[in-house]
Amino acid sequence: MFKSGFIGIIGRPNVGKSTLLNGIVGERIAITTPKPQTTRNKIMGIRNLDDDKPGQLIFLDTPGIHRATSPLNRAMVEAATGTFGSVDLLMLLVEAGPAPHPDDRFIIESLGESPLPVLLAINKIDLVEKNVLLPLIDALRVLYPFRAIIPLSALKNDGIDRLLGEIWTLLPEGPLYFPEEMMTDRSERFIAAEIIREKITLLTHKEIPYATAVVVDAFKEDEARGLIRIAATIHVAKDSQKGILIGKQGVMLKTIGTKARLEMEKFFATKIFLELFVRVAQDWTHNPRMLEEFGYKDRT
């Protein structure tokens, strides 16, 4: 029996959704940082199963659901909640702790009487004692009729096989939607831009990670030299942010470029020639036209 379907991964910011997606797919297709709201777009990851449970599981990693105020954050939350009507199964990911987080309760309430089956995955179990985990499971079970509750550690790949098996049982019979060698629906340009944005998020502080948008202007394979040439523009919201991002004598921008290039060379398995530019797009996070231009759609 071949099963297939779409699974929406939802949860509050920074609970490990992107780390889990990477662990499921077996490749680093979604960027991860310790800072909340790193994921801004839906990212699809595809996992093919064989042996006794053949199937194709298509996961949608979504931005963290939170009480958003700015146009950018509203666009991110809309990208997440918009998943509810386009999948076969919802997987709510929460973080292990002594009690359900208030934002987890907020998301559970937003599910309402969902016609979709909802599976609960409790992440980061490696950080808590068993005597903390069991009361949390009991408390969450009371809040919603989850079809299954799976404790796991996305970072350590612990519990992922059990999770995949449970998902397979909940999905309908279906076709092979995508070629078996395909890992994601996102373009190489998108992956390159996200890698650059990840390095910015890791290397800068305060408002800088949240005020930058990366657009890949050129992505060309140079077969004669055996490399890919990439040119990208980092957009910031203020003049002062441009100076910080470039750094004294260009050191910060050079560091971002070097780390991004090395990461891209691992992902694309070839040499990369990377050029980075910084441009001020005044107050872009509150500008609907720019939000759409940079790939974030705000319909409010």
C-alpha atoms as a PDB file:
ATOM      1  CA  MET A   1       0.000   0.000   0.000  1.00  0.00           C
ATOM      2  CA  PHE A   2       1.674   3.212  -1.199  1.00  0.00           C
ATOM      3  CA  LYS A   3       0.680   6.246   0.868  1.00  0.00           C
ATOM      4  CA  SER A   4       1.400   9.907   0.252  1.00  0.00           C
ATOM      5  CA  GLY A   5       0.320  13.303   1.472  1.00  0.00           C
ATOM      6  CA  PHE A   6       1.206  16.760   2.691  1.00  0.00           C
ATOM      7  CA  ILE A   7       2.083  17.428   6.333  1.00  0.00           C
ATOM      8  CA  GLY A   8       2.132  20.963   7.747  1.00  0.00           C
ATOM      9  CA  ILE A   9       4.680  21.498  10.519  1.00  0.00           C
ATOM     10  CA  ILE A  10       3.325  24.236  12.791  1.00  0.00           C
ATOM     11  CA  GLY A  11       4.395  25.657  16.149  1.00  0.00           C
ATOM     12  CA  ARG A  12       5.569  28.768  17.916  1.00  0.00           C
ATOM     13  CA  PRO A  13       8.930  30.355  16.986  1.00  0.00           C
ATOM     14  CA  ASN A  14      12.154  28.558  17.840  1.00  0.00           C
ATOM     15  CA  VAL A  15      10.777  25.137  18.818  1.00  0.00           C
ATOM     16  CA  GLY A  16      12.928  23.364  16.193  1.00  0.00           C
ATOM     17  CA  LYS A  17      10.652  23.035  13.142  1.00  0.00           C
ATOM     18  CA  SER A  18      13.446  23.653  10.625  1.00  0.00           C
ATOM     19  CA  THR A  19      15.858  21.360  12.477  1.00  0.00           C
ATOM     20  CA  LEU A  20      13.211  18.642  12.390  1.00  0.00           C
ATOM     21  CA  LEU A  21      12.596  19.135   8.663  1.00  0.00           C
ATOM     22  CA  ASN A  22      16.319  18.844   7.952  1.00  0.00           C
ATOM     23  CA  GLY A  23      16.492  15.672  10.052  1.00  0.00           C
ATOM     24  CA  ILE A  24      13.530  14.133   8.242  1.00  0.00           C
ATOM     25  CA  VAL A  25      14.847  14.917   4.754  1.00  0.00           C
ATOM     26  CA  GLY A  26      18.450  14.098   5.589  1.00  0.00           C
ATOM     27  CA  GLU A  27      19.735  17.335   4.045  1.00  0.00           C
ATOM     28  CA  ARG A  28      20.048  20.890   5.317  1.00  0.00           C
ATOM     29  CA  ILE A  29      17.380  22.559   3.191  1.00  0.00           C
ATOM     30  CA  ALA A  30      16.050  24.931   5.891  1.00  0.00           C
ATOM     31  CA  ILE A  31      18.227  27.430   7.739  1.00  0.00           C
ATOM     32  CA  THR A  32      18.449  27.196  11.519  1.00  0.00           C
ATOM     33  CA  THR A  33      19.654  29.651  14.160  1.00  0.00           C
ATOM     34  CA  PRO A  34      19.102  30.039  17.921  1.00  0.00           C
ATOM     35  CA  LYS A  35      17.163  33.255  17.246  1.00  0.00           C
ATOM     36  CA  PRO A  36      13.354  33.205  16.974  1.00  0.00           C
ATOM     37  CA  GLN A  37      11.515  33.922  13.708  1.00  0.00           C
ATOM     38  CA  THR A  38      14.393  32.722  11.537  1.00  0.00           C
ATOM     39  CA  THR A  39      12.005  30.976   9.127  1.00  0.00           C
ATOM     40  CA  ARG A  40       9.990  33.481   7.065  1.00  0.00           C
ATOM     41  CA  ASN A  41       8.588  31.341   4.230  1.00  0.00           C
ATOM     42  CA  LYS A  42       7.007  27.940   3.825  1.00  0.00           C
ATOM     43  CA  ILE A  43       9.665  25.418   2.784  1.00  0.00           C
ATOM     44  CA  MET A  44       8.811  21.999   1.391  1.00  0.00           C
ATOM     45  CA  GLY A  45      10.857  18.941   2.258  1.00  0.00           C
ATOM     46  CA  ILE A  46      10.224  15.516   0.719  1.00  0.00           C
ATOM     47  CA  ARG A  47      10.915  12.157   2.364  1.00  0.00           C
ATOM     48  CA  ASN A  48      10.428   8.886   0.484  1.00  0.00           C
ATOM     49  CA  LEU A  49       9.767   5.690   2.441  1.00  0.00           C
ATOM     50  CA  ASP A  50      10.145   2.100   1.310  1.00  0.00           C
ATOM     51  CA  ASP A  51      10.285  -1.413   2.759  1.00  0.00           C
ATOM     52  CA  ASP A  52       7.151  -2.252   4.771  1.00  0.00           C
ATOM     53  CA  LYS A  53       5.716   1.283   4.683  1.00  0.00           C
ATOM     54  CA  PRO A  54       6.182   2.622   1.146  1.00  0.00           C
ATOM     55  CA  GLY A  55       5.170   6.203   0.570  1.00  0.00           C
ATOM     56  CA  GLN A  56       6.084   9.810  -0.067  1.00  0.00           C
ATOM     57  CA  LEU A  57       5.753  12.267   2.811  1.00  0.00           C
ATOM     58  CA  ILE A  58       5.768  15.943   1.823  1.00  0.00           C
ATOM     59  CA  PHE A  59       6.465  18.280   4.737  1.00  0.00           C
ATOM     60  CA  LEU A  60       5.804  22.020   4.822  1.00  0.00           C
ATOM     61  CA  ASP A  61       7.987  23.863   7.327  1.00  0.00           C
ATOM     62  CA  THR A  62       6.237  27.095   8.308  1.00  0.00           C
ATOM     63  CA  PRO A  63       7.174  30.299  10.143  1.00  0.00           C
ATOM     64  CA  GLY A  64       6.461  30.308  13.872  1.00  0.00           C
ATOM     65  CA  ILE A  65       2.897  31.229  14.815  1.00  0.00           C
ATOM     66  CA  HIS A  66       2.818  34.173  17.219  1.00  0.00           C
ATOM     67  CA  ARG A  67       0.784  37.273  18.029  1.00  0.00           C
ATOM     68  CA  ALA A  68       2.111  39.415  15.193  1.00  0.00           C
ATOM     69  CA  THR A  69       1.984  43.212  15.016  1.00  0.00           C
ATOM     70  CA  SER A  70       4.240  44.357  12.146  1.00  0.00           C
ATOM     71  CA  PRO A  71       3.327  43.751   8.472  1.00  0.00           C
ATOM     72  CA  LEU A  72       6.327  41.410   8.047  1.00  0.00           C
ATOM     73  CA  ASN A  73       5.359  39.314  11.075  1.00  0.00           C
ATOM     74  CA  ARG A  74       1.717  39.203   9.978  1.00  0.00           C
ATOM     75  CA  ALA A  75       2.856  37.937   6.584  1.00  0.00           C
ATOM     76  CA  MET A  76       4.913  35.232   8.288  1.00  0.00           C
ATOM     77  CA  VAL A  77       1.998  34.087  10.475  1.00  0.00           C
ATOM     78  CA  GLU A  78      -0.304  34.104   7.453  1.00  0.00           C
ATOM     79  CA  ALA A  79       2.155  31.836   5.626  1.00  0.00           C
ATOM     80  CA  ALA A  80       1.906  29.399   8.549  1.00  0.00           C
ATOM     81  CA  THR A  81      -1.848  29.448   9.127  1.00  0.00           C
ATOM     82  CA  GLY A  82      -2.489  29.311   5.384  1.00  0.00           C
ATOM     83  CA  THR A  83      -1.090  25.785   5.535  1.00  0.00           C
ATOM     84  CA  PHE A  84      -4.149  24.586   7.450  1.00  0.00           C
ATOM     85  CA  GLY A  85      -6.284  24.313   4.322  1.00  0.00           C
ATOM     86  CA  SER A  86      -3.700  22.768   1.975  1.00  0.00           C
ATOM     87  CA  VAL A  87      -2.429  19.670   3.789  1.00  0.00           C
ATOM     88  CA  ASP A  88      -3.628  16.188   4.732  1.00  0.00           C
ATOM     89  CA  LEU A  89      -2.205  16.263   8.252  1.00  0.00           C
ATOM     90  CA  LEU A  90      -1.060  18.903  10.731  1.00  0.00           C
ATOM     91  CA  MET A  91       1.895  18.248  13.010  1.00  0.00           C
ATOM     92  CA  LEU A  92       2.126  20.599  15.974  1.00  0.00           C
ATOM     93  CA  LEU A  93       5.652  20.811  17.338  1.00  0.00           C
ATOM     94  CA  VAL A  94       6.085  21.980  20.928  1.00  0.00           C
ATOM     95  CA  GLU A  95       9.096  22.175  23.215  1.00  0.00           C
ATOM     96  CA  ALA A  96       9.482  19.880  26.204  1.00  0.00           C
ATOM     97  CA  GLY A  97       9.077  21.688  29.502  1.00  0.00           C
ATOM     98  CA  PRO A  98       7.308  21.580  32.855  1.00  0.00           C
ATOM     99  CA  ALA A  99       3.975  22.827  31.417  1.00  0.00           C
ATOM    100  CA  PRO A 100       2.370  23.801  28.092  1.00  0.00           C
ATOM    101  CA  HIS A 101       3.722  27.158  26.925  1.00  0.00           C
ATOM    102  CA  PRO A 102       1.075  29.946  26.690  1.00  0.00           C
ATOM    103  CA  ASP A 103       1.824  30.338  22.962  1.00  0.00           C
ATOM    104  CA  ASP A 104       1.279  26.607  22.451  1.00  0.00           C
ATOM    105  CA  ARG A 105      -2.136  27.024  24.032  1.00  0.00           C
ATOM    106  CA  PHE A 106      -2.793  29.952  21.661  1.00  0.00           C
ATOM    107  CA  ILE A 107      -1.998  27.755  18.621  1.00  0.00           C
ATOM    108  CA  ILE A 108      -4.069  24.845  19.927  1.00  0.00           C
ATOM    109  CA  GLU A 109      -7.022  27.196  20.382  1.00  0.00           C
ATOM    110  CA  SER A 110      -6.545  28.444  16.805  1.00  0.00           C
ATOM    111  CA  LEU A 111      -6.963  24.884  15.536  1.00  0.00           C
ATOM    112  CA  GLY A 112     -10.600  24.974  16.661  1.00  0.00           C
ATOM    113  CA  GLU A 113     -12.440  21.925  15.432  1.00  0.00           C
ATOM    114  CA  SER A 114     -10.009  21.198  12.604  1.00  0.00           C
ATOM    115  CA  PRO A 115     -11.289  18.580  10.134  1.00  0.00           C
ATOM    116  CA  LEU A 116      -7.670  17.499   9.690  1.00  0.00           C
ATOM    117  CA  PRO A 117      -5.970  14.934  11.887  1.00  0.00           C
ATOM    118  CA  VAL A 118      -3.472  16.664  14.186  1.00  0.00           C
ATOM    119  CA  LEU A 119      -0.375  14.912  15.481  1.00  0.00           C
ATOM    120  CA  LEU A 120       1.606  16.338  18.400  1.00  0.00           C
ATOM    121  CA  ALA A 121       5.396  16.088  18.466  1.00  0.00           C
ATOM    122  CA  ILE A 122       7.260  17.122  21.628  1.00  0.00           C
ATOM    123  CA  ASN A 123      10.784  18.257  20.746  1.00  0.00           C
ATOM    124  CA  LYS A 124      14.001  18.676  22.783  1.00  0.00           C
ATOM    125  CA  ILE A 125      13.263  15.746  25.103  1.00  0.00           C
ATOM    126  CA  ASP A 126      17.030  15.382  25.538  1.00  0.00           C
ATOM    127  CA  LEU A 127      16.938  18.573  27.643  1.00  0.00           C
ATOM    128  CA  VAL A 128      14.420  17.408  30.277  1.00  0.00           C
ATOM    129  CA  GLU A 129      14.011  14.562  32.732  1.00  0.00           C
ATOM    130  CA  LYS A 130      11.400  11.877  32.155  1.00  0.00           C
ATOM    131  CA  ASN A 131       9.479  12.981  35.243  1.00  0.00           C
ATOM    132  CA  VAL A 132       8.940  16.376  33.519  1.00  0.00           C
ATOM    133  CA  LEU A 133       7.850  14.877  30.199  1.00  0.00           C
ATOM    134  CA  LEU A 134       5.014  12.648  31.403  1.00  0.00           C
ATOM    135  CA  PRO A 135       2.999  15.433  33.150  1.00  0.00           C
ATOM    136  CA  LEU A 136       3.440  17.605  30.041  1.00  0.00           C
ATOM    137  CA  ILE A 137       1.995  14.864  27.836  1.00  0.00           C
ATOM    138  CA  ASP A 138      -0.982  14.506  30.190  1.00  0.00           C
ATOM    139  CA  ALA A 139      -1.585  18.281  30.199  1.00  0.00           C
ATOM    140  CA  LEU A 140      -1.430  18.551  26.397  1.00  0.00           C
ATOM    141  CA  ARG A 141      -3.659  15.530  25.891  1.00  0.00           C
ATOM    142  CA  VAL A 142      -6.425  17.343  27.775  1.00  0.00           C
ATOM    143  CA  LEU A 143      -6.200  20.415  25.507  1.00  0.00           C
ATOM    144  CA  TYR A 144      -6.861  18.709  22.157  1.00  0.00           C
ATOM    145  CA  PRO A 145      -7.744  15.267  20.744  1.00  0.00           C
ATOM    146  CA  PHE A 146      -4.371  14.646  19.103  1.00  0.00           C
ATOM    147  CA  ARG A 147      -4.243  11.523  16.955  1.00  0.00           C
ATOM    148  CA  ALA A 148      -0.841  10.637  18.401  1.00  0.00           C
ATOM    149  CA  ILE A 149       1.790  12.165  20.685  1.00  0.00           C
ATOM    150  CA  ILE A 150       5.440  11.532  19.795  1.00  0.00           C
ATOM    151  CA  PRO A 151       8.348  12.692  22.012  1.00  0.00           C
ATOM    152  CA  LEU A 152      11.556  13.302  20.031  1.00  0.00           C
ATOM    153  CA  SER A 153      14.827  15.183  19.725  1.00  0.00           C
ATOM    154  CA  ALA A 154      15.197  16.715  16.268  1.00  0.00           C
ATOM    155  CA  LEU A 155      18.798  17.730  16.954  1.00  0.00           C
ATOM    156  CA  LYS A 156      19.834  14.189  17.901  1.00  0.00           C
ATOM    157  CA  ASN A 157      17.587  12.420  15.346  1.00  0.00           C
ATOM    158  CA  ASP A 158      15.938  10.554  18.206  1.00  0.00           C
ATOM    159  CA  GLY A 159      12.314   9.514  17.621  1.00  0.00           C
ATOM    160  CA  ILE A 160      12.143  10.578  13.954  1.00  0.00           C
ATOM    161  CA  ASP A 161      11.634   7.022  12.632  1.00  0.00           C
ATOM    162  CA  ARG A 162       8.729   6.512  15.026  1.00  0.00           C
ATOM    163  CA  LEU A 163       7.285   9.859  13.952  1.00  0.00           C
ATOM    164  CA  LEU A 164       7.478   8.913  10.257  1.00  0.00           C
ATOM    165  CA  GLY A 165       5.789   5.579  10.953  1.00  0.00           C
ATOM    166  CA  GLU A 166       2.928   7.293  12.796  1.00  0.00           C
ATOM    167  CA  ILE A 167       2.486   9.810   9.976  1.00  0.00           C
ATOM    168  CA  TRP A 168       2.389   7.003   7.412  1.00  0.00           C
ATOM    169  CA  THR A 169      -0.486   5.313   9.247  1.00  0.00           C
ATOM    170  CA  LEU A 170      -2.495   8.581   9.233  1.00  0.00           C
ATOM    171  CA  LEU A 171      -2.066   9.375   5.527  1.00  0.00           C
ATOM    172  CA  PRO A 172      -4.323   8.103   2.719  1.00  0.00           C
ATOM    173  CA  GLU A 173      -3.255   5.986  -0.206  1.00  0.00           C
ATOM    174  CA  GLY A 174      -1.908   8.262  -2.904  1.00  0.00           C
ATOM    175  CA  PRO A 175       0.448   8.772  -5.847  1.00  0.00           C
ATOM    176  CA  LEU A 176       4.111   9.661  -6.088  1.00  0.00           C
ATOM    177  CA  TYR A 177       3.713  13.451  -6.282  1.00  0.00           C
ATOM    178  CA  PHE A 178       7.370  14.288  -6.915  1.00  0.00           C
ATOM    179  CA  PRO A 179      10.378  12.493  -8.462  1.00  0.00           C
ATOM    180  CA  GLU A 180      12.175  10.345  -5.910  1.00  0.00           C
ATOM    181  CA  GLU A 181      15.413  12.334  -6.215  1.00  0.00           C
ATOM    182  CA  MET A 182      13.680  15.637  -5.375  1.00  0.00           C
ATOM    183  CA  MET A 183      14.219  16.977  -1.818  1.00  0.00           C
ATOM    184  CA  THR A 184      12.458  20.345  -1.962  1.00  0.00           C
ATOM    185  CA  ASP A 185      10.364  22.543  -4.236  1.00  0.00           C
ATOM    186  CA  ARG A 186      12.491  25.593  -3.486  1.00  0.00           C
ATOM    187  CA  SER A 187      14.814  26.930  -6.179  1.00  0.00           C
ATOM    188  CA  GLU A 188      18.586  27.072  -5.948  1.00  0.00           C
ATOM    189  CA  ARG A 189      18.303  30.880  -5.800  1.00  0.00           C
ATOM    190  CA  PHE A 190      16.043  30.617  -2.755  1.00  0.00           C
ATOM    191  CA  ILE A 191      18.435  28.224  -0.986  1.00  0.00           C
ATOM    192  CA  ALA A 192      21.393  30.517  -1.702  1.00  0.00           C
ATOM    193  CA  ALA A 193      19.516  33.574  -0.361  1.00  0.00           C
ATOM    194  CA  GLU A 194      18.510  31.696   2.791  1.00  0.00           C
ATOM    195  CA  ILE A 195      22.095  30.585   3.460  1.00  0.00           C
ATOM    196  CA  ILE A 196      23.233  34.220   3.271  1.00  0.00           C
ATOM    197  CA  ARG A 197      20.411  35.293   5.582  1.00  0.00           C
ATOM    198  CA  GLU A 198      21.342  32.557   8.056  1.00  0.00           C
ATOM    199  CA  LYS A 199      24.917  33.841   8.291  1.00  0.00           C
ATOM    200  CA  ILE A 200      23.645  37.395   8.813  1.00  0.00           C
ATOM    201  CA  THR A 201      21.371  36.167  11.610  1.00  0.00           C
ATOM    202  CA  LEU A 202      24.189  34.269  13.314  1.00  0.00           C
ATOM    203  CA  LEU A 203      26.804  37.034  13.014  1.00  0.00           C
ATOM    204  CA  THR A 204      24.766  40.164  13.783  1.00  0.00           C
ATOM    205  CA  HIS A 205      22.713  41.282  16.747  1.00  0.00           C
ATOM    206  CA  LYS A 206      19.714  43.291  17.940  1.00  0.00           C
ATOM    207  CA  GLU A 207      17.478  44.434  15.074  1.00  0.00           C
ATOM    208  CA  ILE A 208      19.848  43.631  12.176  1.00  0.00           C
ATOM    209  CA  PRO A 209      18.722  39.993  11.553  1.00  0.00           C
ATOM    210  CA  TYR A 210      15.076  41.089  11.483  1.00  0.00           C
ATOM    211  CA  ALA A 211      15.672  44.104   9.230  1.00  0.00           C
ATOM    212  CA  THR A 212      17.444  42.291   6.382  1.00  0.00           C
ATOM    213  CA  ALA A 213      16.099  40.695   3.225  1.00  0.00           C
ATOM    214  CA  VAL A 214      18.316  38.901   0.726  1.00  0.00           C
ATOM    215  CA  VAL A 215      17.634  38.828  -3.012  1.00  0.00           C
ATOM    216  CA  VAL A 216      19.781  36.756  -5.389  1.00  0.00           C
ATOM    217  CA  ASP A 217      20.275  38.911  -8.486  1.00  0.00           C
ATOM    218  CA  ALA A 218      22.305  36.415 -10.533  1.00  0.00           C
ATOM    219  CA  PHE A 219      22.873  32.652 -10.369  1.00  0.00           C
ATOM    220  CA  LYS A 220      24.937  31.363 -13.298  1.00  0.00           C
ATOM    221  CA  GLU A 221      26.853  28.140 -13.829  1.00  0.00           C
ATOM    222  CA  ASP A 222      30.322  28.738 -15.292  1.00  0.00           C
ATOM    223  CA  GLU A 223      31.058  25.345 -16.819  1.00  0.00           C
ATOM    224  CA  ALA A 224      34.435  26.422 -18.191  1.00  0.00           C
ATOM    225  CA  ARG A 225      35.702  27.253 -14.689  1.00  0.00           C
ATOM    226  CA  GLY A 226      33.678  24.579 -12.876  1.00  0.00           C
ATOM    227  CA  LEU A 227      31.861  26.941 -10.527  1.00  0.00           C
ATOM    228  CA  ILE A 228      28.625  28.831  -9.886  1.00  0.00           C
ATOM    229  CA  ARG A 229      28.649  32.642  -9.905  1.00  0.00           C
ATOM    230  CA  ILE A 230      26.161  34.180  -7.467  1.00  0.00           C
ATOM    231  CA  ALA A 231      25.439  37.861  -6.927  1.00  0.00           C
ATOM    232  CA  ALA A 232      23.101  38.875  -4.112  1.00  0.00           C
ATOM    233  CA  THR A 233      21.834  42.094  -2.570  1.00  0.00           C
ATOM    234  CA  ILE A 234      21.233  42.401   1.165  1.00  0.00           C
ATOM    235  CA  HIS A 235      18.473  44.933   1.784  1.00  0.00           C
ATOM    236  CA  VAL A 236      18.334  46.751   5.120  1.00  0.00           C
ATOM    237  CA  ALA A 237      15.752  49.156   6.536  1.00  0.00           C
ATOM    238  CA  LYS A 238      18.026  52.006   7.705  1.00  0.00           C
ATOM    239  CA  ASP A 239      21.294  53.713   6.737  1.00  0.00           C
ATOM    240  CA  SER A 240      22.808  52.882  10.141  1.00  0.00           C
ATOM    241  CA  GLN A 241      22.130  49.174   9.568  1.00  0.00           C
ATOM    242  CA  LYS A 242      24.054  49.283   6.293  1.00  0.00           C
ATOM    243  CA  GLY A 243      27.154  50.504   8.105  1.00  0.00           C
ATOM    244  CA  ILE A 244      26.897  47.786  10.740  1.00  0.00           C
ATOM    245  CA  LEU A 245      26.394  45.080   8.127  1.00  0.00           C
ATOM    246  CA  ILE A 246      29.401  46.179   6.076  1.00  0.00           C
ATOM    247  CA  GLY A 247      31.529  46.685   9.186  1.00  0.00           C
ATOM    248  CA  LYS A 248      34.804  48.501   9.659  1.00  0.00           C
ATOM    249  CA  GLN A 249      36.842  48.226   6.459  1.00  0.00           C
ATOM    250  CA  GLY A 250      34.220  45.773   5.153  1.00  0.00           C
ATOM    251  CA  VAL A 251      35.161  43.047   7.633  1.00  0.00           C
ATOM    252  CA  MET A 252      31.605  42.036   8.621  1.00  0.00           C
ATOM    253  CA  LEU A 253      30.379  41.728   5.030  1.00  0.00           C
ATOM    254  CA  LYS A 254      33.492  39.767   4.084  1.00  0.00           C
ATOM    255  CA  THR A 255      32.937  37.368   7.001  1.00  0.00           C
ATOM    256  CA  ILE A 256      29.274  36.859   6.057  1.00  0.00           C
ATOM    257  CA  GLY A 257      30.299  36.228   2.440  1.00  0.00           C
ATOM    258  CA  THR A 258      33.025  33.737   3.350  1.00  0.00           C
ATOM    259  CA  LYS A 259      30.812  31.687   5.670  1.00  0.00           C
ATOM    260  CA  ALA A 260      27.918  31.740   3.182  1.00  0.00           C
ATOM    261  CA  ARG A 261      30.191  30.692   0.315  1.00  0.00           C
ATOM    262  CA  LEU A 262      31.600  27.734   2.249  1.00  0.00           C
ATOM    263  CA  GLU A 263      28.080  26.596   3.200  1.00  0.00           C
ATOM    264  CA  MET A 264      26.919  26.895  -0.428  1.00  0.00           C
ATOM    265  CA  GLU A 265      29.887  24.880  -1.656  1.00  0.00           C
ATOM    266  CA  LYS A 266      28.820  22.041   0.648  1.00  0.00           C
ATOM    267  CA  PHE A 267      25.192  22.216  -0.489  1.00  0.00           C
ATOM    268  CA  PHE A 268      25.789  22.624  -4.239  1.00  0.00           C
ATOM    269  CA  ALA A 269      28.906  20.391  -4.244  1.00  0.00           C
ATOM    270  CA  THR A 270      30.892  22.821  -6.396  1.00  0.00           C
ATOM    271  CA  LYS A 271      33.017  25.943  -6.126  1.00  0.00           C
ATOM    272  CA  ILE A 272      31.093  29.190  -5.592  1.00  0.00           C
ATOM    273  CA  PHE A 273      32.044  32.742  -6.579  1.00  0.00           C
ATOM    274  CA  LEU A 274      29.893  34.995  -4.393  1.00  0.00           C
ATOM    275  CA  GLU A 275      29.410  38.754  -4.603  1.00  0.00           C
ATOM    276  CA  LEU A 276      27.422  40.586  -1.941  1.00  0.00           C
ATOM    277  CA  PHE A 277      26.015  44.107  -2.072  1.00  0.00           C
ATOM    278  CA  VAL A 278      24.164  46.073   0.623  1.00  0.00           C
ATOM    279  CA  ARG A 279      21.337  48.476  -0.211  1.00  0.00           C
ATOM    280  CA  VAL A 280      19.014  50.538   1.985  1.00  0.00           C
ATOM    281  CA  ALA A 281      15.317  49.917   1.263  1.00  0.00           C
ATOM    282  CA  GLN A 282      13.942  52.462   3.702  1.00  0.00           C
ATOM    283  CA  ASP A 283      11.609  50.869   6.281  1.00  0.00           C
ATOM    284  CA  TRP A 284      10.932  47.907   3.988  1.00  0.00           C
ATOM    285  CA  THR A 285       9.453  45.732   6.757  1.00  0.00           C
ATOM    286  CA  HIS A 286       6.407  48.055   6.847  1.00  0.00           C
ATOM    287  CA  ASN A 287       6.077  48.575   3.088  1.00  0.00           C
ATOM    288  CA  PRO A 288       3.544  46.184   1.434  1.00  0.00           C
ATOM    289  CA  ARG A 289       5.076  46.632  -2.030  1.00  0.00           C
ATOM    290  CA  MET A 290       8.583  45.812  -0.825  1.00  0.00           C
ATOM    291  CA  LEU A 291       7.333  42.901   1.291  1.00  0.00           C
ATOM    292  CA  GLU A 292       5.882  41.362  -1.856  1.00  0.00           C
ATOM    293  CA  GLU A 293       8.975  42.212  -3.909  1.00  0.00           C
ATOM    294  CA  PHE A 294      11.206  40.457  -1.368  1.00  0.00           C
ATOM    295  CA  GLY A 295       8.930  37.388  -1.255  1.00  0.00           C
ATOM    296  CA  TYR A 296       6.826  38.143   1.834  1.00  0.00           C
ATOM    297  CA  LYS A 297       3.176  38.751   1.068  1.00  0.00           C
ATOM    298  CA  ASP A 298       1.056  40.690   3.549  1.00  0.00           C
ATOM    299  CA  ARG A 299      -2.653  40.572   2.692  1.00  0.00           C
ATOM    300  CA  THR A 300      -3.912  42.556   5.701  1.00  0.00           C
END
